[in-house]
Amino acid sequence: MNKLVKGSIAAAAGIALLMGGAGSLAYWNDAATINAGTVTSGVLDVNTGTAGSWSPSIAKIVPGDTVTYTQQLTLTATGDNLKATVTSNIAGITNNITGSTATSTFVVKTAPGGVVVTPAAGVYTLNGTYTVDVTITVAFASSTANQVGQNATVNLSTLAVTVTQVP
C-alpha cells in the first residue's frame, strides 16, 4: 500500500474514534420514583332482572284499550362525576297497529321501593346501585274506526333500554 492510502485509513480510524468518544461525556444525573397510586375506571351497567308483566293481561287489544308492561332493571353506576341518560329505542320499533301509540317511561330509584332520583334536564347524577322501573304503554285510540288497525301487531321484541354517559 502506498503512504497516501495508509494515511487515509489512519485518519478515518482516528476520526471514528474521536466521534465515538464525543458522546461519552459524563454529566451527573439522578431519578426519583413517584408513588402516584393507581387510577381505576368506573362502571356503567344495566341488567334485566326478572321478566316483566303486562297489565291488564289481555291477548288482543281493541280501540279504547291501554296496556302497560312493567319491568325492573338494575343499574350499576360507579364513578366520580358520573352523569347519564336513560332512554329506549321505542321510536324505532315496528308498530303496525294504525291508531295506536307505544311510549316508554323510566323511574330511577336508589333501591327497589327506594327514593326516586330526579334527573336535571333528563340527566341523572349517579354513583351506586339503582333500580330502574320501566313502563311501556301501548294505547289504542278509541277514535279508531272502520276496521283500521285490525289483526296487526306492535313488535316490542327488539325494545332496548340504554344508559348513556354524558359530559
N, C-alpha and C. Protein backbone atom coordinates (compact mmCIF):
# COMPACT_ATOMS: atom_id res chain seq x y z
N MET A 1 0.84 -1.17 0.00
CA MET A 1 0.00 0.00 0.00
C MET A 1 0.89 1.24 0.00
N ASN A 2 0.39 2.21 -0.61
CA ASN A 2 1.20 3.42 -0.62
C ASN A 2 0.91 4.26 0.62
N LYS A 3 1.70 5.25 0.82
CA LYS A 3 1.60 6.07 2.02
C LYS A 3 0.30 6.85 2.06
N LEU A 4 -0.23 7.25 0.96
CA LEU A 4 -1.47 8.03 0.91
C LEU A 4 -2.65 7.18 1.37
N VAL A 5 -2.75 5.95 0.95
CA VAL A 5 -3.86 5.06 1.34
C VAL A 5 -3.75 4.76 2.82
N LYS A 6 -2.50 4.45 3.28
CA LYS A 6 -2.31 4.16 4.71
C LYS A 6 -2.66 5.38 5.56
N GLY A 7 -2.29 6.53 5.11
CA GLY A 7 -2.59 7.76 5.84
C GLY A 7 -4.09 8.03 5.90
N SER A 8 -4.80 7.76 4.80
CA SER A 8 -6.25 7.95 4.76
C SER A 8 -6.96 7.00 5.73
N ILE A 9 -6.51 5.74 5.76
CA ILE A 9 -7.12 4.75 6.67
C ILE A 9 -6.87 5.17 8.11
N ALA A 10 -5.67 5.60 8.42
CA ALA A 10 -5.34 6.02 9.78
C ALA A 10 -6.15 7.24 10.17
N ALA A 11 -6.34 8.18 9.26
CA ALA A 11 -7.12 9.39 9.54
C ALA A 11 -8.59 9.04 9.78
N ALA A 12 -9.12 8.15 8.95
CA ALA A 12 -10.53 7.74 9.11
C ALA A 12 -10.74 7.03 10.45
N ALA A 13 -9.79 6.17 10.83
CA ALA A 13 -9.89 5.47 12.11
C ALA A 13 -9.82 6.45 13.25
N GLY A 14 -8.95 7.45 13.14
CA GLY A 14 -8.82 8.46 14.19
C GLY A 14 -10.09 9.28 14.35
N ILE A 15 -10.68 9.67 13.22
CA ILE A 15 -11.94 10.44 13.26
C ILE A 15 -13.05 9.60 13.87
N ALA A 16 -13.14 8.33 13.51
CA ALA A 16 -14.17 7.45 14.06
C ALA A 16 -14.02 7.32 15.56
N LEU A 17 -12.77 7.19 16.04
CA LEU A 17 -12.54 7.08 17.48
C LEU A 17 -12.92 8.36 18.20
N LEU A 18 -12.58 9.49 17.61
CA LEU A 18 -12.92 10.76 18.23
C LEU A 18 -14.44 10.97 18.28
N MET A 19 -15.14 10.60 17.22
CA MET A 19 -16.60 10.77 17.19
C MET A 19 -17.27 9.83 18.18
N GLY A 20 -16.80 8.65 18.32
CA GLY A 20 -17.37 7.72 19.29
C GLY A 20 -17.18 8.21 20.70
N GLY A 21 -16.10 8.84 20.97
CA GLY A 21 -15.83 9.33 22.30
C GLY A 21 -16.59 10.61 22.60
N ALA A 22 -17.06 11.32 21.58
CA ALA A 22 -17.75 12.59 21.79
C ALA A 22 -19.06 12.40 22.55
N GLY A 23 -19.71 11.26 22.40
CA GLY A 23 -20.98 11.04 23.06
C GLY A 23 -20.84 10.46 24.45
N SER A 24 -19.64 10.26 24.92
CA SER A 24 -19.49 9.61 26.21
C SER A 24 -19.14 10.57 27.34
N LEU A 25 -19.37 11.86 27.12
CA LEU A 25 -19.13 12.80 28.21
C LEU A 25 -20.08 12.47 29.35
N ALA A 26 -19.65 12.48 30.55
CA ALA A 26 -20.48 12.10 31.70
C ALA A 26 -20.91 13.34 32.47
N TYR A 27 -22.20 13.55 32.56
CA TYR A 27 -22.79 14.56 33.41
C TYR A 27 -23.54 13.85 34.50
N TRP A 28 -23.66 14.46 35.64
CA TRP A 28 -24.40 13.83 36.73
C TRP A 28 -25.87 13.77 36.36
N ASN A 29 -26.54 12.71 36.80
CA ASN A 29 -28.00 12.61 36.66
C ASN A 29 -28.52 11.75 37.79
N ASP A 30 -29.81 11.84 38.04
CA ASP A 30 -30.44 11.09 39.11
C ASP A 30 -31.91 10.92 38.74
N ALA A 31 -32.60 9.99 39.38
CA ALA A 31 -34.03 9.76 39.17
C ALA A 31 -34.68 9.46 40.51
N ALA A 32 -35.94 9.82 40.63
CA ALA A 32 -36.70 9.51 41.84
C ALA A 32 -38.01 8.88 41.43
N THR A 33 -38.44 7.89 42.17
CA THR A 33 -39.71 7.22 41.91
C THR A 33 -40.83 7.97 42.62
N ILE A 34 -41.89 8.23 41.89
CA ILE A 34 -43.07 8.90 42.46
C ILE A 34 -44.15 7.86 42.62
N ASN A 35 -44.67 7.70 43.82
CA ASN A 35 -45.74 6.74 44.08
C ASN A 35 -47.08 7.46 43.94
N ALA A 36 -47.58 7.54 42.72
CA ALA A 36 -48.82 8.24 42.44
C ALA A 36 -50.04 7.33 42.58
N GLY A 37 -49.87 6.11 43.02
CA GLY A 37 -51.01 5.19 43.17
C GLY A 37 -51.49 4.69 41.83
N THR A 38 -52.79 4.37 41.77
CA THR A 38 -53.37 3.87 40.53
C THR A 38 -54.64 4.65 40.21
N VAL A 39 -55.01 4.63 38.97
CA VAL A 39 -56.27 5.21 38.52
C VAL A 39 -57.16 4.04 38.11
N THR A 40 -58.37 4.00 38.67
CA THR A 40 -59.29 2.91 38.40
C THR A 40 -60.52 3.46 37.69
N SER A 41 -60.95 2.79 36.65
CA SER A 41 -62.13 3.23 35.91
C SER A 41 -63.40 2.80 36.64
N GLY A 42 -64.48 3.51 36.38
CA GLY A 42 -65.77 3.22 36.99
C GLY A 42 -66.56 2.20 36.19
N VAL A 43 -67.84 2.13 36.48
CA VAL A 43 -68.73 1.15 35.85
C VAL A 43 -70.05 1.82 35.50
N LEU A 44 -70.57 1.50 34.33
CA LEU A 44 -71.92 1.89 33.94
C LEU A 44 -72.53 0.66 33.28
N ASP A 45 -73.48 0.02 33.98
CA ASP A 45 -74.00 -1.27 33.53
C ASP A 45 -75.48 -1.36 33.88
N VAL A 46 -76.29 -1.83 32.96
CA VAL A 46 -77.72 -2.04 33.23
C VAL A 46 -78.05 -3.49 32.88
N ASN A 47 -78.81 -4.13 33.78
CA ASN A 47 -79.17 -5.54 33.60
C ASN A 47 -80.64 -5.74 33.85
N THR A 48 -81.21 -6.70 33.11
CA THR A 48 -82.60 -7.04 33.35
C THR A 48 -82.70 -7.98 34.54
N GLY A 49 -83.73 -7.84 35.28
CA GLY A 49 -83.98 -8.74 36.41
C GLY A 49 -84.94 -9.81 35.96
N THR A 50 -85.95 -10.03 36.76
CA THR A 50 -86.97 -11.00 36.38
C THR A 50 -87.82 -10.40 35.25
N ALA A 51 -88.49 -11.26 34.53
CA ALA A 51 -89.32 -10.82 33.42
C ALA A 51 -90.43 -9.91 33.91
N GLY A 52 -90.79 -8.96 33.08
CA GLY A 52 -91.86 -8.03 33.42
C GLY A 52 -93.23 -8.65 33.14
N SER A 53 -94.25 -7.80 33.27
CA SER A 53 -95.61 -8.30 33.04
C SER A 53 -96.48 -7.22 32.42
N TRP A 54 -97.51 -7.68 31.71
CA TRP A 54 -98.49 -6.80 31.09
C TRP A 54 -99.67 -6.61 32.03
N SER A 55 -100.24 -5.41 32.02
CA SER A 55 -101.44 -5.14 32.80
C SER A 55 -102.33 -4.21 32.00
N PRO A 56 -103.60 -4.49 31.81
CA PRO A 56 -104.22 -5.77 32.15
C PRO A 56 -103.72 -6.85 31.22
N SER A 57 -103.89 -8.04 31.65
CA SER A 57 -103.42 -9.20 30.90
C SER A 57 -104.46 -9.56 29.85
N ILE A 58 -104.33 -8.99 28.65
CA ILE A 58 -105.26 -9.30 27.56
C ILE A 58 -104.47 -9.76 26.35
N ALA A 59 -105.08 -10.56 25.54
CA ALA A 59 -104.38 -11.13 24.39
C ALA A 59 -104.45 -10.21 23.17
N LYS A 60 -105.56 -9.55 22.98
CA LYS A 60 -105.73 -8.71 21.78
C LYS A 60 -106.40 -7.41 22.19
N ILE A 61 -105.73 -6.30 21.85
CA ILE A 61 -106.31 -5.01 22.21
C ILE A 61 -107.27 -4.53 21.12
N VAL A 62 -108.18 -3.69 21.52
CA VAL A 62 -109.17 -3.10 20.62
C VAL A 62 -109.18 -1.59 20.87
N PRO A 63 -109.74 -0.81 19.97
CA PRO A 63 -109.78 0.64 20.19
C PRO A 63 -110.35 0.97 21.57
N GLY A 64 -109.66 1.88 22.25
CA GLY A 64 -110.04 2.27 23.62
C GLY A 64 -109.20 1.59 24.69
N ASP A 65 -108.45 0.53 24.34
CA ASP A 65 -107.61 -0.19 25.32
C ASP A 65 -106.27 0.53 25.50
N THR A 66 -105.79 0.43 26.73
CA THR A 66 -104.42 0.84 27.06
C THR A 66 -103.83 -0.27 27.89
N VAL A 67 -102.68 -0.78 27.47
CA VAL A 67 -102.00 -1.83 28.23
C VAL A 67 -100.59 -1.34 28.58
N THR A 68 -100.11 -1.79 29.73
CA THR A 68 -98.77 -1.39 30.16
C THR A 68 -97.94 -2.61 30.51
N TYR A 69 -96.68 -2.54 30.17
CA TYR A 69 -95.72 -3.56 30.52
C TYR A 69 -94.75 -2.93 31.50
N THR A 70 -94.52 -3.59 32.61
CA THR A 70 -93.59 -3.06 33.61
C THR A 70 -92.51 -4.09 33.90
N GLN A 71 -91.31 -3.58 34.05
CA GLN A 71 -90.17 -4.43 34.40
C GLN A 71 -89.18 -3.58 35.17
N GLN A 72 -88.48 -4.22 36.09
CA GLN A 72 -87.48 -3.53 36.88
C GLN A 72 -86.09 -3.97 36.44
N LEU A 73 -85.22 -2.99 36.17
CA LEU A 73 -83.85 -3.23 35.78
C LEU A 73 -82.93 -2.83 36.92
N THR A 74 -81.72 -3.39 36.93
CA THR A 74 -80.71 -2.99 37.90
C THR A 74 -79.65 -2.18 37.18
N LEU A 75 -79.35 -1.01 37.72
CA LEU A 75 -78.37 -0.11 37.14
C LEU A 75 -77.22 0.06 38.13
N THR A 76 -76.02 -0.26 37.67
CA THR A 76 -74.82 -0.05 38.48
C THR A 76 -74.04 1.08 37.83
N ALA A 77 -73.81 2.12 38.61
CA ALA A 77 -73.09 3.29 38.10
C ALA A 77 -72.13 3.75 39.18
N THR A 78 -70.86 3.49 38.98
CA THR A 78 -69.87 3.93 39.96
C THR A 78 -68.82 4.77 39.26
N GLY A 79 -68.56 5.90 39.84
CA GLY A 79 -67.55 6.80 39.28
C GLY A 79 -67.77 8.20 39.80
N ASP A 80 -66.69 8.92 39.89
CA ASP A 80 -66.79 10.32 40.30
C ASP A 80 -67.38 11.12 39.15
N ASN A 81 -68.35 11.95 39.47
CA ASN A 81 -68.96 12.84 38.48
C ASN A 81 -69.61 12.09 37.32
N LEU A 82 -70.19 10.93 37.58
CA LEU A 82 -70.83 10.14 36.51
C LEU A 82 -72.25 10.65 36.28
N LYS A 83 -72.49 11.08 35.06
CA LYS A 83 -73.82 11.56 34.66
C LYS A 83 -74.27 10.73 33.47
N ALA A 84 -75.57 10.42 33.42
CA ALA A 84 -76.07 9.55 32.35
C ALA A 84 -77.53 9.85 32.05
N THR A 85 -77.93 9.45 30.85
CA THR A 85 -79.34 9.50 30.47
C THR A 85 -79.86 8.06 30.37
N VAL A 86 -81.16 7.92 30.53
CA VAL A 86 -81.82 6.63 30.36
C VAL A 86 -82.85 6.81 29.26
N THR A 87 -82.70 6.02 28.19
CA THR A 87 -83.60 6.14 27.04
C THR A 87 -83.98 4.75 26.53
N SER A 88 -84.89 4.73 25.57
CA SER A 88 -85.21 3.47 24.89
C SER A 88 -85.28 3.74 23.39
N ASN A 89 -85.31 2.67 22.64
CA ASN A 89 -85.43 2.78 21.19
C ASN A 89 -86.87 2.61 20.73
N ILE A 90 -87.81 2.96 21.59
CA ILE A 90 -89.23 2.72 21.28
C ILE A 90 -89.69 3.46 20.02
N ALA A 91 -89.07 4.58 19.71
CA ALA A 91 -89.46 5.31 18.49
C ALA A 91 -89.12 4.52 17.23
N GLY A 92 -88.19 3.57 17.31
CA GLY A 92 -87.80 2.79 16.15
C GLY A 92 -88.42 1.41 16.07
N ILE A 93 -89.34 1.09 16.99
CA ILE A 93 -89.97 -0.23 16.94
C ILE A 93 -91.01 -0.29 15.82
N THR A 94 -91.36 -1.48 15.43
CA THR A 94 -92.35 -1.67 14.37
C THR A 94 -93.74 -1.69 14.98
N ASN A 95 -94.51 -0.64 14.71
CA ASN A 95 -95.89 -0.54 15.20
C ASN A 95 -96.82 -0.56 13.99
N ASN A 96 -97.43 -1.72 13.77
CA ASN A 96 -98.33 -1.87 12.63
C ASN A 96 -99.79 -1.71 12.99
N ILE A 97 -100.08 -1.40 14.26
CA ILE A 97 -101.48 -1.18 14.65
C ILE A 97 -101.77 0.30 14.43
N THR A 98 -102.32 0.62 13.28
CA THR A 98 -102.66 2.00 12.96
C THR A 98 -103.66 2.49 14.01
N GLY A 99 -103.38 3.67 14.56
CA GLY A 99 -104.25 4.23 15.60
C GLY A 99 -103.71 3.98 17.01
N SER A 100 -102.62 3.26 17.12
CA SER A 100 -102.04 3.02 18.45
C SER A 100 -100.72 3.75 18.59
N THR A 101 -100.35 3.98 19.84
CA THR A 101 -99.05 4.59 20.15
C THR A 101 -98.37 3.73 21.20
N ALA A 102 -97.05 3.70 21.13
CA ALA A 102 -96.26 2.99 22.14
C ALA A 102 -95.27 3.99 22.73
N THR A 103 -95.24 4.07 24.05
CA THR A 103 -94.35 5.01 24.74
C THR A 103 -93.63 4.29 25.88
N SER A 104 -92.52 4.88 26.32
CA SER A 104 -91.78 4.32 27.45
C SER A 104 -91.48 5.42 28.46
N THR A 105 -91.49 5.02 29.74
CA THR A 105 -91.10 5.93 30.82
C THR A 105 -90.18 5.18 31.77
N PHE A 106 -89.37 5.94 32.50
CA PHE A 106 -88.39 5.35 33.41
C PHE A 106 -88.43 6.09 34.73
N VAL A 107 -88.34 5.33 35.82
CA VAL A 107 -88.20 5.92 37.15
C VAL A 107 -86.98 5.26 37.77
N VAL A 108 -85.96 6.08 38.07
CA VAL A 108 -84.73 5.59 38.69
C VAL A 108 -84.85 5.78 40.19
N LYS A 109 -84.59 4.70 40.94
CA LYS A 109 -84.70 4.74 42.40
C LYS A 109 -83.41 4.24 43.04
N THR A 110 -83.16 4.67 44.26
CA THR A 110 -81.96 4.26 44.98
C THR A 110 -81.98 2.78 45.34
N ALA A 111 -83.14 2.16 45.36
CA ALA A 111 -83.31 0.73 45.65
C ALA A 111 -84.74 0.39 45.29
N PRO A 112 -85.09 -0.91 45.24
CA PRO A 112 -86.50 -1.24 44.99
C PRO A 112 -87.36 -0.59 46.07
N GLY A 113 -88.31 0.22 45.63
CA GLY A 113 -89.17 0.92 46.58
C GLY A 113 -88.47 2.09 47.27
N GLY A 114 -87.26 2.44 46.82
CA GLY A 114 -86.46 3.48 47.46
C GLY A 114 -86.80 4.88 46.95
N VAL A 115 -85.92 5.79 47.26
CA VAL A 115 -86.09 7.19 46.91
C VAL A 115 -85.90 7.38 45.40
N VAL A 116 -86.80 8.15 44.81
CA VAL A 116 -86.73 8.44 43.38
C VAL A 116 -85.59 9.43 43.13
N VAL A 117 -84.75 9.11 42.15
CA VAL A 117 -83.67 10.01 41.75
C VAL A 117 -84.22 10.92 40.66
N THR A 118 -84.17 12.22 40.91
CA THR A 118 -84.73 13.17 39.96
C THR A 118 -83.63 13.65 39.01
N PRO A 119 -83.87 13.51 37.71
CA PRO A 119 -82.85 13.98 36.76
C PRO A 119 -82.92 15.49 36.60
N ALA A 120 -81.81 16.11 36.28
CA ALA A 120 -81.78 17.53 35.93
C ALA A 120 -81.72 17.61 34.41
N ALA A 121 -82.78 18.11 33.81
CA ALA A 121 -82.88 18.21 32.35
C ALA A 121 -82.64 16.86 31.68
N GLY A 122 -83.17 15.78 32.28
CA GLY A 122 -83.06 14.45 31.70
C GLY A 122 -81.76 13.73 32.01
N VAL A 123 -80.87 14.34 32.80
CA VAL A 123 -79.57 13.76 33.10
C VAL A 123 -79.51 13.39 34.59
N TYR A 124 -79.17 12.13 34.85
CA TYR A 124 -79.03 11.64 36.22
C TYR A 124 -77.58 11.74 36.66
N THR A 125 -77.36 12.15 37.92
CA THR A 125 -76.04 12.08 38.53
C THR A 125 -76.04 10.82 39.38
N LEU A 126 -75.15 9.87 39.06
CA LEU A 126 -75.22 8.53 39.64
C LEU A 126 -73.89 8.12 40.27
N ASN A 127 -74.00 7.34 41.34
CA ASN A 127 -72.84 6.69 41.93
C ASN A 127 -73.36 5.65 42.91
N GLY A 128 -73.53 4.43 42.45
CA GLY A 128 -74.04 3.35 43.29
C GLY A 128 -74.87 2.38 42.47
N THR A 129 -75.73 1.65 43.18
CA THR A 129 -76.62 0.69 42.53
C THR A 129 -78.04 1.21 42.64
N TYR A 130 -78.77 1.15 41.54
CA TYR A 130 -80.11 1.71 41.44
C TYR A 130 -81.05 0.69 40.81
N THR A 131 -82.34 0.91 40.97
CA THR A 131 -83.33 0.17 40.20
C THR A 131 -83.97 1.14 39.22
N VAL A 132 -84.29 0.63 38.05
CA VAL A 132 -84.97 1.43 37.04
C VAL A 132 -86.30 0.75 36.76
N ASP A 133 -87.38 1.43 37.12
CA ASP A 133 -88.72 0.91 36.81
C ASP A 133 -89.07 1.37 35.41
N VAL A 134 -89.20 0.41 34.50
CA VAL A 134 -89.51 0.69 33.10
C VAL A 134 -90.99 0.41 32.88
N THR A 135 -91.67 1.36 32.25
CA THR A 135 -93.08 1.17 31.90
C THR A 135 -93.24 1.42 30.40
N ILE A 136 -93.76 0.43 29.71
CA ILE A 136 -94.07 0.55 28.28
C ILE A 136 -95.59 0.58 28.17
N THR A 137 -96.09 1.60 27.51
CA THR A 137 -97.54 1.75 27.37
C THR A 137 -97.91 1.69 25.90
N VAL A 138 -98.90 0.86 25.60
CA VAL A 138 -99.46 0.80 24.24
C VAL A 138 -100.93 1.21 24.38
N ALA A 139 -101.25 2.32 23.73
CA ALA A 139 -102.62 2.85 23.78
C ALA A 139 -103.23 2.80 22.39
N PHE A 140 -104.43 2.24 22.31
CA PHE A 140 -105.14 2.12 21.04
C PHE A 140 -106.29 3.12 21.11
N ALA A 141 -106.19 4.19 20.32
CA ALA A 141 -107.17 5.28 20.38
C ALA A 141 -108.59 4.80 20.15
N SER A 142 -109.50 5.26 21.01
CA SER A 142 -110.91 4.86 20.87
C SER A 142 -111.55 5.45 19.63
N SER A 143 -110.94 6.49 19.07
CA SER A 143 -111.48 7.11 17.86
C SER A 143 -111.12 6.33 16.59
N THR A 144 -110.39 5.23 16.71
CA THR A 144 -110.01 4.43 15.55
C THR A 144 -111.25 3.66 15.08
N ALA A 145 -111.63 3.88 13.82
CA ALA A 145 -112.87 3.29 13.31
C ALA A 145 -112.63 2.60 11.97
N ASN A 146 -113.68 2.04 11.45
CA ASN A 146 -113.69 1.46 10.10
C ASN A 146 -112.66 0.34 9.95
N GLN A 147 -112.52 -0.46 10.93
CA GLN A 147 -111.65 -1.64 10.92
C GLN A 147 -110.16 -1.30 10.75
N VAL A 148 -109.78 -0.07 11.03
CA VAL A 148 -108.38 0.34 10.94
C VAL A 148 -107.60 -0.31 12.08
N GLY A 149 -106.42 -0.83 11.77
CA GLY A 149 -105.56 -1.41 12.79
C GLY A 149 -105.89 -2.83 13.19
N GLN A 150 -106.82 -3.46 12.50
CA GLN A 150 -107.22 -4.83 12.87
C GLN A 150 -106.14 -5.84 12.51
N ASN A 151 -106.05 -6.89 13.33
CA ASN A 151 -105.19 -8.04 13.09
C ASN A 151 -103.73 -7.62 12.79
N ALA A 152 -103.23 -6.66 13.56
CA ALA A 152 -101.88 -6.15 13.37
C ALA A 152 -101.11 -6.26 14.69
N THR A 153 -99.84 -5.91 14.66
CA THR A 153 -99.00 -6.06 15.86
C THR A 153 -98.15 -4.82 16.12
N VAL A 154 -97.77 -4.68 17.38
CA VAL A 154 -96.71 -3.77 17.79
C VAL A 154 -95.58 -4.69 18.22
N ASN A 155 -94.49 -4.69 17.48
CA ASN A 155 -93.39 -5.61 17.74
C ASN A 155 -92.42 -5.00 18.76
N LEU A 156 -92.49 -5.46 20.00
CA LEU A 156 -91.63 -4.96 21.07
C LEU A 156 -90.46 -5.89 21.36
N SER A 157 -90.23 -6.87 20.50
CA SER A 157 -89.18 -7.86 20.77
C SER A 157 -87.77 -7.28 20.70
N THR A 158 -87.61 -6.15 20.03
CA THR A 158 -86.28 -5.54 19.94
C THR A 158 -86.16 -4.29 20.80
N LEU A 159 -87.12 -4.09 21.69
CA LEU A 159 -87.07 -2.92 22.57
C LEU A 159 -85.86 -2.99 23.49
N ALA A 160 -85.11 -1.89 23.57
CA ALA A 160 -83.91 -1.85 24.41
C ALA A 160 -83.92 -0.58 25.25
N VAL A 161 -83.44 -0.71 26.47
CA VAL A 161 -83.24 0.44 27.35
C VAL A 161 -81.73 0.69 27.37
N THR A 162 -81.36 1.94 27.14
CA THR A 162 -79.95 2.31 27.05
C THR A 162 -79.62 3.36 28.10
N VAL A 163 -78.54 3.12 28.82
CA VAL A 163 -78.00 4.10 29.75
C VAL A 163 -76.72 4.63 29.12
N THR A 164 -76.65 5.94 28.91
CA THR A 164 -75.54 6.54 28.20
C THR A 164 -74.89 7.62 29.04
N GLN A 165 -73.58 7.53 29.22
CA GLN A 165 -72.86 8.56 29.95
C GLN A 165 -72.84 9.84 29.12
N VAL A 166 -73.02 10.95 29.80
CA VAL A 166 -72.97 12.26 29.14
C VAL A 166 -71.97 13.14 29.90
N PRO A 167 -71.42 14.17 29.21
CA PRO A 167 -70.44 15.04 29.88
C PRO A 167 -71.10 15.89 30.96
